[in-house]
Protein backbone atom coordinates (compact mmCIF):
# COMPACT_ATOMS: atom_id res chain seq x y z
CA UNK A 1 -6.37 -5.65 -11.70
CA UNK A 2 -3.65 -3.31 -13.26
CA UNK A 3 -6.08 -0.94 -15.02
CA UNK A 4 -7.81 -0.46 -11.70
CA UNK A 5 -4.60 0.33 -9.85
CA UNK A 6 -3.74 2.87 -12.78
CA UNK A 7 -7.18 4.43 -12.65
CA UNK A 8 -6.82 4.67 -8.81
CA UNK A 9 -3.12 6.29 -9.38
CA UNK A 10 -4.33 8.64 -11.83
CA UNK A 11 -7.18 9.87 -9.63
CA UNK A 12 -5.01 10.12 -6.45
CA UNK A 13 -2.43 12.40 -8.44
CA UNK A 14 -5.50 14.66 -9.72
CA UNK A 15 -6.60 14.58 -6.33
CA UNK A 16 -3.36 15.87 -4.99
CA UNK A 17 -3.25 18.55 -7.82
CA UNK A 18 -6.95 19.71 -6.86
CA UNK A 19 -5.95 19.94 -3.07
CA UNK A 20 -2.64 22.18 -4.15
CA UNK A 21 -5.13 24.21 -6.32
CA UNK A 22 -7.35 24.60 -3.09
CA UNK A 23 -4.33 25.38 -1.11
CA UNK A 24 -3.54 28.17 -3.47
CA UNK A 25 -7.09 29.73 -3.11
CA UNK A 26 -6.73 29.90 0.60
CA UNK A 27 -3.19 30.62 0.89
CA UNK A 28 -3.89 33.97 2.43
CA UNK A 29 -6.45 32.84 4.89
CA UNK A 30 -5.83 31.80 8.57
CA UNK A 31 -4.40 28.51 9.36
CA UNK A 32 -7.63 27.28 10.75
CA UNK A 33 -9.56 28.18 7.50
CA UNK A 34 -6.93 26.39 5.42
CA UNK A 35 -7.02 23.17 7.75
CA UNK A 36 -10.80 23.34 7.20
CA UNK A 37 -11.06 23.85 3.55
CA UNK A 38 -8.19 21.40 2.85
CA UNK A 39 -9.89 18.74 5.00
CA UNK A 40 -13.26 19.22 3.38
CA UNK A 41 -11.59 19.36 -0.21
CA UNK A 42 -9.61 16.12 0.56
CA UNK A 43 -12.57 14.21 2.19
CA UNK A 44 -14.93 15.23 -0.79
CA UNK A 45 -12.44 14.31 -3.41
CA UNK A 46 -11.75 10.83 -1.78
CA UNK A 47 -15.32 10.08 -2.07
CA UNK A 48 -15.94 11.36 -5.38
CA UNK A 49 -13.06 9.69 -6.80
CA UNK A 50 -13.20 6.31 -5.20
CA UNK A 51 -17.11 6.43 -5.92
CA UNK A 52 -16.47 7.29 -9.55
CA UNK A 53 -13.83 4.36 -10.00
CA UNK A 54 -16.07 2.00 -8.53
CA UNK A 55 -19.02 2.83 -10.71
CA UNK A 56 -16.64 2.89 -13.63
CA UNK A 57 -15.22 -0.50 -12.93
CA UNK A 58 -18.73 -2.06 -12.48
CA UNK A 59 -20.30 -0.62 -15.77
CA UNK A 60 -19.43 -3.86 -17.59
CA UNK A 61 -21.01 -5.89 -14.65
CA UNK A 62 -24.10 -3.65 -14.75
CA UNK A 63 -24.41 -4.33 -18.41
CA UNK A 64 -24.11 -8.01 -18.07
CA UNK A 65 -26.73 -7.98 -15.41
CA UNK A 66 -28.98 -5.78 -17.75
CA UNK A 67 -28.69 -8.25 -20.72
CA UNK A 68 -30.33 -10.75 -18.72
CA UNK A 69 -33.34 -8.76 -18.25
CA UNK A 70 -36.66 -9.76 -20.05
CA UNK A 71 -37.23 -6.14 -20.86
CA UNK A 72 -35.93 -5.48 -24.47
CA UNK A 73 -34.80 -1.99 -23.84
CA UNK A 74 -32.89 -3.19 -20.54
CA UNK A 75 -31.04 -5.84 -22.82
CA UNK A 76 -29.90 -3.28 -25.19
CA UNK A 77 -28.80 -1.06 -22.63
CA UNK A 78 -26.96 -3.94 -21.40
CA UNK A 79 -25.48 -4.77 -24.61
CA UNK A 80 -24.43 -1.01 -25.04
CA UNK A 81 -22.63 -0.81 -21.89
CA UNK A 82 -20.79 -4.12 -22.33
CA UNK A 83 -19.76 -3.21 -26.02
CA UNK A 84 -18.81 0.24 -25.14
CA UNK A 85 -17.24 0.44 -21.62
CA UNK A 86 -13.74 -0.64 -22.86
CA UNK A 87 -13.87 2.58 -25.34
CA UNK A 88 -14.97 4.60 -22.47
CA UNK A 89 -12.26 3.55 -20.08
CA UNK A 90 -9.62 4.19 -23.06
CA UNK A 91 -11.08 7.60 -23.52
CA UNK A 92 -11.16 8.28 -19.70
CA UNK A 93 -7.49 6.98 -19.52
CA UNK A 94 -6.16 9.25 -22.29
CA UNK A 95 -8.34 12.21 -20.86
CA UNK A 96 -7.24 11.57 -17.40
CA UNK A 97 -3.47 11.40 -18.38
CA UNK A 98 -3.79 14.67 -20.35
CA UNK A 99 -5.63 16.38 -17.27
CA UNK A 100 -2.88 15.56 -15.13
CA UNK A 101 -0.22 17.02 -17.36
CA UNK A 102 -2.29 20.24 -18.09
CA UNK A 103 -3.17 20.70 -14.21
CA UNK A 104 0.48 19.73 -13.05
CA UNK A 105 1.74 21.85 -15.78
CA UNK A 106 -0.47 24.91 -14.67
CA UNK A 107 0.52 24.34 -11.14
CA UNK A 108 4.37 24.43 -11.98
CA UNK A 109 3.92 27.45 -14.19
CA UNK A 110 1.88 29.27 -11.46
CA UNK A 111 4.43 28.37 -8.82
CA UNK A 112 7.25 30.21 -11.11
CA UNK A 113 6.09 33.80 -11.18
CA UNK A 114 9.19 34.84 -13.35
CA UNK A 115 7.74 32.50 -16.09
CA UNK A 116 3.97 32.53 -15.48
CA UNK A 117 3.69 36.41 -15.34
CA UNK A 118 5.11 37.41 -18.63
CA UNK A 119 3.50 34.43 -20.28
CA UNK A 120 0.24 35.59 -18.90
CA UNK A 121 0.61 39.19 -20.14
CA UNK A 122 1.84 37.84 -23.52
CA UNK A 123 -1.30 35.77 -24.07
CA UNK A 124 -3.57 38.49 -22.95
CA UNK A 125 -1.76 41.03 -25.41
CA UNK A 126 -1.91 38.28 -28.19
CA UNK A 127 -5.64 37.82 -28.09
CA UNK A 128 -8.78 39.37 -26.20
CA UNK A 129 -10.86 36.20 -26.59
CA UNK A 130 -11.29 34.50 -23.46
CA UNK A 131 -11.85 31.20 -25.33
CA UNK A 132 -8.52 31.37 -27.23
CA UNK A 133 -6.72 32.61 -24.14
CA UNK A 134 -7.99 29.60 -22.31
CA UNK A 135 -6.86 27.29 -25.16
CA UNK A 136 -3.31 28.71 -25.27
CA UNK A 137 -3.04 28.48 -21.50
CA UNK A 138 -4.23 24.98 -21.81
CA UNK A 139 -1.74 24.09 -24.42
CA UNK A 140 1.18 25.78 -22.70
CA UNK A 141 0.30 24.20 -19.31
CA UNK A 142 0.09 20.67 -21.24
CA UNK A 143 3.52 21.29 -22.62
CA UNK A 144 5.23 22.47 -19.31
CA UNK A 145 3.40 19.35 -17.85
CA UNK A 146 4.91 16.85 -20.33
CA UNK A 147 8.51 18.43 -20.00
CA UNK A 148 8.31 18.39 -16.02
CA UNK A 149 6.90 14.98 -16.44
CA UNK A 150 9.63 13.59 -18.74
CA UNK A 151 12.32 15.10 -16.52
CA UNK A 152 10.63 13.46 -13.34
CA UNK A 153 10.46 10.11 -15.35
CA UNK A 154 14.09 10.21 -16.10
CA UNK A 155 15.10 11.35 -12.77
CA UNK A 156 13.05 8.32 -11.14
CA UNK A 157 14.29 5.94 -13.66
CA UNK A 158 17.79 6.80 -12.98
CA UNK A 159 17.34 6.60 -9.36
CA UNK A 160 15.99 3.10 -9.67
CA UNK A 161 18.96 2.08 -12.01
CA UNK A 162 21.40 3.33 -9.06
CA UNK A 163 19.47 1.65 -6.44
CA UNK A 164 19.52 -1.59 -8.53
CA UNK A 165 23.28 -1.39 -8.97
CA UNK A 166 23.73 -0.80 -5.49
CA UNK A 167 21.97 -3.84 -4.50
CA UNK A 168 23.92 -5.88 -7.42
CA UNK A 169 20.49 -6.55 -9.26
CA UNK A 170 20.50 -6.16 -13.08
CA UNK A 171 18.13 -3.64 -14.47
CA UNK A 172 14.98 -4.95 -16.23
CA UNK A 173 15.04 -5.36 -19.88
CA UNK A 174 12.71 -2.73 -21.81
């Protein structure tokens, strides 16, 4: 289904971001160490993510199965799962999207020392609260992720329009 494809796509993006963070953590290590760490992280993330997606997709099926049970507690749990799985999926969808932007924005900011270093020092000077520093950093990373994401969406949209024009196909109506 479309929702499953979207969930998998979101999880693949988050996996790529996690691998990028892992690469940053072992950047100064020998090639063999990098290869081993990145391989283990990649395989681990693949199993974790697809296992999680499979479990989430089956939550309502589990709920339907439990609703048929003779035990009243199992039926109530089943009804709860059937009733609240759609809301859980919406929360995960919004949270996953926000996480993609925060992590992606953080990766972009860390990759540009001329922006990240002064920003990091300004946040440290602004407050000595680790919690507040983390909150500010998260908001700034989210903003950076939104800006980079919007620019990327415009570039991809215009590239697709150009390809359609070259092929003589009309652009789809929005």
